[in-house]
N, C-alpha and C. Protein backbone atom coordinates (compact mmCIF):
# COMPACT_ATOMS: atom_id res chain seq x y z
N MET A 1 50.76 -58.61 -32.77
CA MET A 1 49.40 -59.68 -32.53
C MET A 1 50.06 -61.11 -33.29
N ILE A 2 48.96 -62.00 -32.97
CA ILE A 2 49.30 -63.21 -33.61
C ILE A 2 47.45 -63.03 -34.04
N PHE A 3 47.09 -63.69 -35.45
CA PHE A 3 45.89 -63.83 -35.78
C PHE A 3 45.48 -65.18 -36.12
N TYR A 4 44.79 -65.40 -35.43
CA TYR A 4 44.30 -67.18 -35.82
C TYR A 4 43.43 -67.26 -37.57
N LYS A 5 43.47 -68.30 -37.53
CA LYS A 5 42.54 -69.11 -39.03
C LYS A 5 41.22 -68.80 -38.18
N LYS A 6 40.46 -67.95 -38.80
CA LYS A 6 38.72 -68.23 -38.78
C LYS A 6 37.76 -68.56 -40.05
N SER A 7 36.84 -69.00 -39.93
CA SER A 7 35.77 -69.10 -40.87
C SER A 7 34.60 -68.03 -40.76
N TYR A 8 34.07 -67.72 -41.75
CA TYR A 8 33.21 -66.26 -41.77
C TYR A 8 32.29 -67.04 -42.96
N TRP A 9 30.77 -66.88 -42.47
CA TRP A 9 29.90 -67.47 -43.23
C TRP A 9 29.38 -65.94 -43.99
N ILE A 10 29.81 -65.84 -45.49
CA ILE A 10 29.24 -64.80 -45.92
C ILE A 10 27.65 -64.85 -45.90
N SER A 11 27.76 -66.12 -46.68
CA SER A 11 26.11 -66.61 -47.10
C SER A 11 26.14 -67.62 -46.49
N ARG A 12 24.37 -68.06 -47.04
CA ARG A 12 24.15 -69.51 -46.65
C ARG A 12 25.23 -70.49 -47.14
N THR A 13 25.67 -70.35 -48.57
CA THR A 13 25.78 -71.01 -49.29
C THR A 13 27.35 -71.07 -49.99
N TRP A 14 27.81 -69.53 -49.13
CA TRP A 14 29.35 -69.54 -49.05
C TRP A 14 29.98 -69.03 -48.19
N HIS A 15 30.99 -70.61 -48.01
CA HIS A 15 31.64 -70.69 -46.53
C HIS A 15 33.36 -68.96 -47.21
N TYR A 16 33.34 -68.54 -46.39
CA TYR A 16 35.03 -67.86 -46.63
C TYR A 16 35.97 -68.22 -45.35
N SER A 17 37.26 -68.68 -45.07
CA SER A 17 38.04 -68.86 -44.30
C SER A 17 39.62 -67.70 -44.37
N LEU A 18 39.30 -66.91 -43.45
CA LEU A 18 40.69 -65.91 -43.29
C LEU A 18 40.95 -65.82 -42.45
N THR A 19 42.49 -65.35 -42.42
CA THR A 19 42.92 -64.44 -41.32
C THR A 19 41.72 -63.60 -40.59
N GLU A 20 42.22 -62.85 -38.94
CA GLU A 20 40.86 -62.08 -38.68
C GLU A 20 42.07 -60.70 -39.27
N LYS A 21 42.88 -61.12 -39.69
CA LYS A 21 43.48 -59.35 -39.84
C LYS A 21 42.58 -59.14 -41.99
N GLU A 22 42.80 -60.45 -42.14
CA GLU A 22 42.35 -60.57 -43.76
C GLU A 22 40.73 -60.30 -43.72
N PHE A 23 40.31 -60.70 -42.64
CA PHE A 23 38.45 -60.59 -42.86
C PHE A 23 38.41 -58.70 -42.57
N LEU A 24 39.03 -58.62 -41.30
CA LEU A 24 39.02 -57.01 -41.09
C LEU A 24 38.88 -55.80 -42.21
N LEU A 25 40.32 -56.05 -42.55
CA LEU A 25 40.97 -55.67 -43.90
C LEU A 25 39.60 -55.72 -45.15
N ASN A 26 39.19 -56.74 -45.55
CA ASN A 26 38.21 -57.62 -46.58
C ASN A 26 36.88 -56.02 -46.52
N PHE A 27 36.33 -56.67 -44.83
CA PHE A 27 35.32 -55.81 -44.52
C PHE A 27 35.73 -54.22 -44.64
N ARG A 28 36.52 -53.68 -44.20
CA ARG A 28 36.90 -52.66 -44.36
C ARG A 28 36.85 -52.22 -45.55
N VAL A 29 37.60 -52.51 -46.93
CA VAL A 29 37.40 -52.49 -48.14
C VAL A 29 36.11 -52.11 -48.47
N LYS A 30 35.21 -53.69 -48.24
CA LYS A 30 33.65 -53.34 -48.60
C LYS A 30 33.04 -52.27 -47.75
N PHE A 31 33.07 -52.51 -46.93
CA PHE A 31 32.63 -51.16 -45.82
C PHE A 31 32.84 -49.93 -46.36
N LEU A 32 33.78 -49.18 -47.24
CA LEU A 32 34.15 -48.01 -47.29
C LEU A 32 33.74 -48.04 -48.90
N ILE A 33 33.36 -48.84 -49.56
CA ILE A 33 32.49 -48.84 -50.64
C ILE A 33 31.27 -48.54 -50.46
N LEU A 34 30.74 -49.47 -49.44
CA LEU A 34 28.71 -49.41 -49.33
C LEU A 34 29.16 -47.43 -48.45
N VAL A 35 29.68 -47.25 -47.75
CA VAL A 35 29.23 -45.92 -47.31
C VAL A 35 29.78 -45.08 -48.17
N LYS A 36 30.75 -45.51 -48.84
CA LYS A 36 30.84 -44.48 -49.86
C LYS A 36 31.65 -42.88 -49.64
N ASP A 37 33.08 -43.47 -48.62
CA ASP A 37 34.18 -42.69 -47.73
C ASP A 37 34.72 -42.02 -49.09
N SER A 38 35.63 -41.10 -48.73
CA SER A 38 36.45 -40.44 -49.78
C SER A 38 37.70 -41.70 -49.73
N VAL A 39 38.12 -41.62 -50.88
CA VAL A 39 39.25 -42.52 -50.78
C VAL A 39 40.04 -42.06 -51.88
N ILE A 40 41.95 -41.38 -51.52
CA ILE A 40 42.54 -41.06 -52.86
C ILE A 40 43.55 -42.44 -53.02
N ILE A 41 43.17 -42.48 -54.29
CA ILE A 41 44.43 -43.11 -55.43
C ILE A 41 45.46 -43.06 -55.88
N PHE A 42 46.37 -43.54 -55.36
CA PHE A 42 47.67 -42.49 -55.69
C PHE A 42 48.88 -43.34 -55.97
N ASP A 43 49.76 -42.95 -56.76
CA ASP A 43 50.98 -43.55 -56.96
C ASP A 43 51.80 -43.88 -55.97
N VAL A 44 52.15 -44.83 -55.46
CA VAL A 44 53.70 -44.96 -53.94
C VAL A 44 54.34 -44.64 -54.76
N ASP A 45 55.10 -44.74 -55.97
CA ASP A 45 56.43 -44.78 -56.21
C ASP A 45 56.78 -43.07 -56.53
N CYS A 46 55.73 -42.35 -56.06
CA CYS A 46 55.95 -41.08 -56.93
C CYS A 46 56.09 -40.13 -55.83
N LEU A 47 57.48 -39.45 -55.34
CA LEU A 47 57.44 -38.73 -54.43
C LEU A 47 56.33 -37.55 -54.45
N LEU A 48 56.13 -36.87 -55.25
CA LEU A 48 55.20 -35.83 -55.55
C LEU A 48 53.96 -36.12 -54.90
N CYS A 49 53.34 -37.37 -55.21
CA CYS A 49 52.17 -38.09 -55.24
C CYS A 49 51.79 -38.24 -53.56
N ASN A 50 53.46 -38.72 -53.17
CA ASN A 50 53.68 -39.10 -51.34
C ASN A 50 53.43 -37.82 -50.46
N ARG A 51 54.66 -36.76 -51.05
CA ARG A 51 54.44 -35.94 -50.45
C ARG A 51 52.61 -35.06 -50.39
N PHE A 52 51.94 -35.12 -51.45
CA PHE A 52 50.69 -34.56 -51.71
C PHE A 52 50.11 -35.24 -50.39
N VAL A 53 49.87 -36.73 -50.38
CA VAL A 53 48.86 -37.32 -49.79
C VAL A 53 49.45 -37.32 -48.20
N GLN A 54 50.42 -36.96 -47.72
CA GLN A 54 51.55 -36.97 -46.33
C GLN A 54 50.95 -35.31 -46.11
N ILE A 55 50.84 -34.68 -46.88
CA ILE A 55 49.98 -33.41 -46.60
C ILE A 55 48.25 -33.45 -46.17
N VAL A 56 48.17 -34.10 -46.50
CA VAL A 56 46.42 -33.99 -46.92
C VAL A 56 46.30 -34.79 -45.92
N SER A 57 47.04 -35.66 -45.33
CA SER A 57 46.21 -36.86 -43.93
C SER A 57 46.34 -36.06 -42.96
N VAL A 58 47.90 -34.65 -42.86
CA VAL A 58 47.98 -34.50 -41.68
C VAL A 58 46.90 -32.78 -41.50
N ILE A 59 46.44 -32.31 -42.89
CA ILE A 59 45.15 -31.22 -42.85
C ILE A 59 44.40 -31.87 -42.46
N ASP A 60 43.56 -33.02 -42.71
CA ASP A 60 42.34 -33.83 -42.48
C ASP A 60 42.46 -34.14 -41.35
N LYS A 61 41.79 -33.79 -40.39
CA LYS A 61 41.58 -33.83 -39.00
C LYS A 61 40.30 -34.43 -38.56
N LYS A 62 39.67 -34.80 -39.02
CA LYS A 62 38.39 -35.72 -39.12
C LYS A 62 38.40 -37.10 -39.70
N ASP A 63 39.97 -37.62 -40.07
CA ASP A 63 40.19 -38.23 -40.65
C ASP A 63 38.99 -39.37 -41.68
N ASN A 64 38.64 -38.25 -42.52
CA ASN A 64 37.32 -38.48 -43.46
C ASN A 64 37.81 -39.28 -44.73
N ILE A 65 38.98 -38.84 -45.03
CA ILE A 65 40.17 -39.27 -46.11
C ILE A 65 40.81 -40.50 -46.12
N TYR A 66 40.68 -41.68 -46.73
CA TYR A 66 41.42 -42.70 -47.09
C TYR A 66 42.52 -42.60 -47.85
N PHE A 67 43.48 -43.80 -47.84
CA PHE A 67 44.49 -43.30 -49.04
C PHE A 67 44.83 -44.99 -49.41
N THR A 68 45.03 -45.52 -50.86
CA THR A 68 45.21 -46.36 -51.12
C THR A 68 46.39 -46.40 -52.27
N ARG A 69 46.89 -47.42 -52.46
CA ARG A 69 48.03 -47.22 -53.83
C ARG A 69 47.44 -48.04 -55.37
N LEU A 70 47.82 -47.29 -56.32
CA LEU A 70 46.86 -47.46 -57.52
C LEU A 70 46.93 -48.60 -58.03
N SER A 71 48.17 -49.56 -57.50
CA SER A 71 48.04 -51.09 -57.97
C SER A 71 48.00 -51.81 -57.12
N GLY A 72 47.33 -51.73 -55.87
CA GLY A 72 46.54 -52.34 -54.59
C GLY A 72 45.13 -53.09 -54.88
N LYS A 73 44.42 -53.61 -53.98
CA LYS A 73 43.78 -54.55 -54.29
C LYS A 73 42.33 -53.76 -54.20
N THR A 74 42.24 -52.77 -52.82
CA THR A 74 41.55 -51.55 -52.68
C THR A 74 40.96 -50.79 -54.24
N ALA A 75 42.05 -50.38 -54.76
CA ALA A 75 42.10 -49.37 -56.15
C ALA A 75 40.98 -50.30 -57.12
N ASN A 76 41.84 -51.85 -57.06
CA ASN A 76 40.52 -52.90 -58.36
C ASN A 76 39.43 -52.67 -57.89
N ASN A 77 39.29 -53.06 -56.34
CA ASN A 77 37.78 -52.91 -56.07
C ASN A 77 36.78 -51.89 -56.19
N ILE A 78 37.06 -50.55 -55.95
CA ILE A 78 36.79 -48.97 -55.91
C ILE A 78 36.65 -49.23 -57.82
N LEU A 79 37.61 -49.37 -58.44
CA LEU A 79 37.40 -49.52 -59.89
C LEU A 79 36.97 -50.33 -60.69
N SER A 80 36.51 -51.15 -60.63
CA SER A 80 36.12 -52.42 -61.04
C SER A 80 35.11 -52.04 -62.20
N ASN A 81 34.49 -50.68 -62.24
CA ASN A 81 33.57 -50.27 -63.17
C ASN A 81 34.47 -49.84 -64.46
N ASN A 82 35.45 -49.06 -63.66
CA ASN A 82 36.21 -48.30 -64.98
C ASN A 82 37.80 -49.04 -64.83
N LYS A 83 37.84 -50.40 -65.48
CA LYS A 83 39.38 -50.20 -65.24
C LYS A 83 40.47 -49.70 -65.98
N ASN A 84 40.09 -49.26 -67.20
CA ASN A 84 40.82 -48.01 -67.85
C ASN A 84 41.23 -46.90 -66.84
N LEU A 85 40.77 -46.27 -65.91
CA LEU A 85 41.30 -45.48 -64.92
C LEU A 85 42.68 -45.90 -64.14
N LEU A 86 42.84 -47.46 -63.80
CA LEU A 86 44.28 -47.81 -63.24
C LEU A 86 45.42 -47.90 -64.22
N GLU A 87 44.77 -47.77 -65.75
CA GLU A 87 46.07 -47.53 -66.57
C GLU A 87 46.50 -45.91 -66.59
N ILE A 88 45.52 -44.58 -66.39
CA ILE A 88 45.97 -43.69 -66.12
C ILE A 88 46.98 -43.35 -65.15
N ASP A 89 47.60 -41.82 -65.38
CA ASP A 89 48.65 -41.72 -64.99
C ASP A 89 48.16 -40.32 -64.38
N SER A 90 47.45 -40.79 -63.30
CA SER A 90 46.88 -39.36 -62.13
C SER A 90 46.94 -40.15 -61.26
N ILE A 91 46.26 -39.16 -60.32
CA ILE A 91 45.79 -39.25 -58.89
C ILE A 91 44.38 -39.39 -58.99
N ILE A 92 43.64 -40.08 -58.28
CA ILE A 92 42.42 -40.39 -58.32
C ILE A 92 41.42 -40.06 -57.32
N PHE A 93 40.21 -39.58 -57.23
CA PHE A 93 39.75 -39.23 -55.82
C PHE A 93 38.59 -40.14 -55.57
N TYR A 94 38.33 -40.87 -55.53
CA TYR A 94 36.58 -41.41 -55.10
C TYR A 94 36.23 -40.86 -53.78
N LEU A 95 34.91 -40.42 -54.29
CA LEU A 95 33.75 -39.28 -53.40
C LEU A 95 32.63 -39.59 -53.62
N ASN A 96 32.06 -40.39 -52.80
CA ASN A 96 30.62 -40.45 -52.95
C ASN A 96 29.97 -41.53 -54.21
N GLY A 97 30.51 -42.45 -54.64
CA GLY A 97 30.54 -42.68 -55.83
C GLY A 97 31.23 -42.19 -57.06
N ASN A 98 31.57 -41.38 -57.36
CA ASN A 98 32.13 -40.29 -58.10
C ASN A 98 33.43 -40.63 -57.80
N THR A 99 34.35 -40.62 -59.45
CA THR A 99 35.49 -40.48 -59.42
C THR A 99 35.78 -39.33 -60.24
N TYR A 100 37.08 -38.84 -59.82
CA TYR A 100 37.81 -37.85 -60.10
C TYR A 100 39.33 -38.20 -60.40
N ILE A 101 39.68 -37.23 -61.60
CA ILE A 101 40.69 -37.70 -61.66
C ILE A 101 41.33 -36.05 -62.21
N LYS A 102 43.34 -36.32 -62.40
CA LYS A 102 43.59 -35.07 -62.66
C LYS A 102 43.30 -34.20 -61.69
N SER A 103 43.33 -32.93 -62.65
CA SER A 103 43.21 -31.55 -61.87
C SER A 103 41.54 -31.80 -61.38
N ASP A 104 40.90 -32.22 -61.63
CA ASP A 104 39.76 -32.46 -61.09
C ASP A 104 39.41 -32.95 -59.50
N ALA A 105 40.04 -34.28 -59.28
CA ALA A 105 40.42 -35.00 -58.03
C ALA A 105 41.56 -33.67 -57.64
N VAL A 106 42.69 -33.04 -57.87
CA VAL A 106 43.01 -32.13 -56.65
C VAL A 106 42.44 -31.10 -55.98
N ILE A 107 41.32 -30.78 -57.27
CA ILE A 107 40.54 -29.33 -56.62
C ILE A 107 39.40 -30.09 -55.55
N ARG A 108 39.04 -31.40 -56.09
CA ARG A 108 37.91 -31.99 -54.87
C ARG A 108 38.80 -32.46 -53.84
N ILE A 109 39.50 -32.33 -54.02
CA ILE A 109 39.91 -33.00 -52.19
C ILE A 109 40.55 -31.67 -51.77
N SER A 110 40.84 -30.56 -52.83
CA SER A 110 41.39 -29.42 -51.55
C SER A 110 39.72 -28.75 -50.77
N LYS A 111 38.94 -28.80 -51.61
CA LYS A 111 37.63 -28.81 -51.80
C LYS A 111 36.87 -29.54 -50.46
N SER A 112 37.86 -30.85 -50.11
CA SER A 112 36.71 -31.78 -49.15
C SER A 112 37.71 -31.69 -48.06
N LEU A 113 38.54 -30.55 -47.70
CA LEU A 113 39.90 -30.17 -46.53
C LEU A 113 38.85 -29.20 -45.31
N GLY A 114 38.55 -28.01 -46.68
CA GLY A 114 37.86 -26.98 -45.69
C GLY A 114 38.28 -26.05 -45.61
N PHE A 115 38.14 -24.72 -45.01
CA PHE A 115 38.52 -23.86 -45.13
C PHE A 115 40.40 -23.85 -44.95
N PRO A 116 41.01 -23.23 -45.17
CA PRO A 116 41.45 -22.15 -46.18
C PRO A 116 41.60 -22.75 -47.88
N TYR A 117 42.24 -24.51 -47.70
CA TYR A 117 41.74 -25.03 -48.59
C TYR A 117 41.32 -25.19 -49.84
N ASN A 118 40.00 -25.20 -49.52
CA ASN A 118 38.53 -24.76 -50.03
C ASN A 118 38.75 -23.95 -50.87
N LEU A 119 39.64 -22.93 -50.84
CA LEU A 119 39.66 -21.29 -51.61
C LEU A 119 40.51 -22.31 -53.49
N MET A 120 41.27 -23.58 -53.19
CA MET A 120 41.81 -23.75 -54.47
C MET A 120 40.53 -24.40 -55.41
N SER A 121 39.41 -24.45 -54.83
CA SER A 121 38.43 -24.56 -55.95
C SER A 121 38.08 -22.98 -56.96
N ILE A 122 38.92 -21.90 -56.60
CA ILE A 122 38.63 -21.00 -57.64
C ILE A 122 39.14 -21.50 -59.10
N PHE A 123 40.66 -22.57 -58.83
CA PHE A 123 40.90 -22.83 -60.43
C PHE A 123 39.78 -23.66 -61.20
N LYS A 124 38.69 -23.80 -61.09
CA LYS A 124 37.65 -24.37 -61.94
C LYS A 124 37.03 -23.59 -62.78
N ILE A 125 37.55 -22.35 -62.21
CA ILE A 125 37.09 -20.83 -63.98
C ILE A 125 38.13 -21.11 -64.81
N VAL A 126 39.12 -21.93 -64.93
CA VAL A 126 39.65 -22.30 -65.62
C VAL A 126 39.27 -23.58 -66.55
N PRO A 127 39.71 -23.25 -67.76
CA PRO A 127 38.32 -24.76 -68.53
C PRO A 127 39.63 -25.72 -68.33
N LYS A 128 38.77 -27.17 -67.90
CA LYS A 128 39.33 -27.88 -68.07
C LYS A 128 40.63 -28.42 -68.62
N SER A 129 40.16 -28.32 -69.80
CA SER A 129 41.71 -28.68 -70.86
C SER A 129 42.54 -27.89 -70.31
N ILE A 130 42.46 -26.75 -70.05
CA ILE A 130 43.88 -26.27 -69.81
C ILE A 130 44.65 -26.74 -68.22
N ARG A 131 43.62 -26.75 -67.66
CA ARG A 131 44.18 -27.09 -66.11
C ARG A 131 45.06 -28.99 -66.44
N ASP A 132 44.16 -29.25 -66.96
CA ASP A 132 44.81 -31.03 -67.40
C ASP A 132 46.06 -31.09 -68.37
N ILE A 133 46.10 -29.64 -69.25
CA ILE A 133 47.50 -29.52 -70.48
C ILE A 133 48.88 -29.72 -68.75
N PHE A 134 48.52 -28.60 -67.93
CA PHE A 134 49.24 -28.39 -67.25
C PHE A 134 49.40 -29.89 -65.86
N TYR A 135 48.50 -30.49 -65.81
CA TYR A 135 48.13 -31.33 -64.75
C TYR A 135 49.13 -32.82 -65.31
N ASP A 136 49.36 -32.63 -66.95
CA ASP A 136 49.61 -34.00 -67.40
C ASP A 136 51.34 -34.20 -67.82
N PHE A 137 51.64 -32.44 -67.59
CA PHE A 137 52.95 -32.32 -68.00
C PHE A 137 53.87 -32.69 -66.66
N VAL A 138 53.27 -31.89 -65.18
CA VAL A 138 53.97 -32.35 -64.43
C VAL A 138 53.63 -34.41 -64.07
N ALA A 139 52.52 -34.48 -64.54
CA ALA A 139 52.74 -36.49 -64.06
C ALA A 139 53.49 -36.95 -65.21
N ARG A 140 53.65 -36.02 -66.38
CA ARG A 140 55.33 -36.93 -67.38
C ARG A 140 56.20 -36.59 -66.82
N ASN A 141 56.36 -35.75 -65.99
CA ASN A 141 58.04 -35.69 -65.83
C ASN A 141 58.51 -35.52 -64.18
N ARG A 142 57.40 -35.80 -63.50
CA ARG A 142 57.40 -36.15 -61.99
C ARG A 142 58.28 -36.54 -61.43
N TYR A 143 58.79 -37.71 -61.78
CA TYR A 143 59.86 -38.42 -61.65
C TYR A 143 61.46 -37.82 -61.94
N LYS A 144 61.68 -37.07 -62.66
CA LYS A 144 62.33 -36.17 -62.91
C LYS A 144 62.55 -34.63 -62.41
N PHE A 145 60.95 -34.11 -62.25
CA PHE A 145 61.24 -32.86 -61.57
C PHE A 145 61.36 -33.47 -60.15
N PHE A 146 61.02 -34.53 -59.30
CA PHE A 146 60.88 -34.38 -57.57
C PHE A 146 61.92 -36.13 -57.46
N GLY A 147 61.84 -37.09 -58.63
CA GLY A 147 62.12 -38.20 -57.91
C GLY A 147 60.99 -39.50 -57.46
N LYS A 148 62.05 -40.54 -57.24
CA LYS A 148 60.82 -41.44 -56.80
C LYS A 148 61.11 -41.66 -55.35
N ALA A 149 59.91 -41.84 -54.95
CA ALA A 149 59.66 -42.57 -53.25
C ALA A 149 60.95 -44.17 -52.97
N GLN A 150 61.36 -44.16 -51.89
CA GLN A 150 61.73 -45.29 -51.53
C GLN A 150 61.09 -46.28 -50.75
N LYS A 151 59.75 -45.42 -50.35
CA LYS A 151 58.80 -46.26 -49.00
C LYS A 151 57.69 -45.12 -49.34
N CYS A 152 56.27 -45.70 -49.18
CA CYS A 152 55.56 -44.94 -48.60
C CYS A 152 55.37 -43.83 -47.11
N LEU A 153 55.15 -42.79 -47.51
CA LEU A 153 55.66 -42.02 -47.08
C LEU A 153 54.50 -41.49 -45.00
N ILE A 154 52.93 -42.22 -45.56
CA ILE A 154 52.54 -42.02 -44.98
C ILE A 154 51.85 -43.39 -43.91
N SER A 155 51.15 -43.41 -43.21
CA SER A 155 51.33 -44.23 -42.07
C SER A 155 48.92 -44.26 -41.44
N LYS A 156 49.16 -43.26 -42.01
CA LYS A 156 47.57 -42.78 -41.11
C LYS A 156 46.28 -43.33 -42.23
N ASN A 157 45.60 -43.73 -42.04
CA ASN A 157 44.16 -44.07 -42.95
C ASN A 157 44.58 -44.85 -44.35
N ILE A 158 45.82 -45.20 -44.46
CA ILE A 158 45.67 -46.05 -45.71
C ILE A 158 45.61 -47.81 -45.59
N ILE A 159 45.06 -48.29 -46.55
CA ILE A 159 44.72 -49.23 -46.70
C ILE A 159 45.07 -50.32 -47.76
N GLU A 160 45.16 -51.04 -47.91
CA GLU A 160 46.15 -51.73 -48.58
C GLU A 160 44.79 -52.25 -50.06
């Protein structure tokens, strides 16, 4: 597919020249933030994270959840108010303008997948501090336990 360079007028004073592909990607990122879709921000190098996201993409039949890398442009746009979240060692779930991290993110993701996966929200009865201790232990040792991914394993609903 060939993309031609076009100019787009964003406002009366701001002229933006992009390829069609760049424009569509840029529009999609801005559109996602405007409509507040669900976005999972994850570590692409982590094999455990890749597998988790791969499972979520298969389970998500309605294609409501989008995926992006922690070091990507979309993550920077979404987390522009919380730059410190880009430094943490956690999966991040952006939903309806709210940002969830660590065990809360996993529980919210399972909740958004519907039955029977939403039953995992039963773990909300365990105090967050205890859940996060377990999460942090796995996160610290994830490369040792599961290894590193050679490439991103998902292709559906991924945005850069």
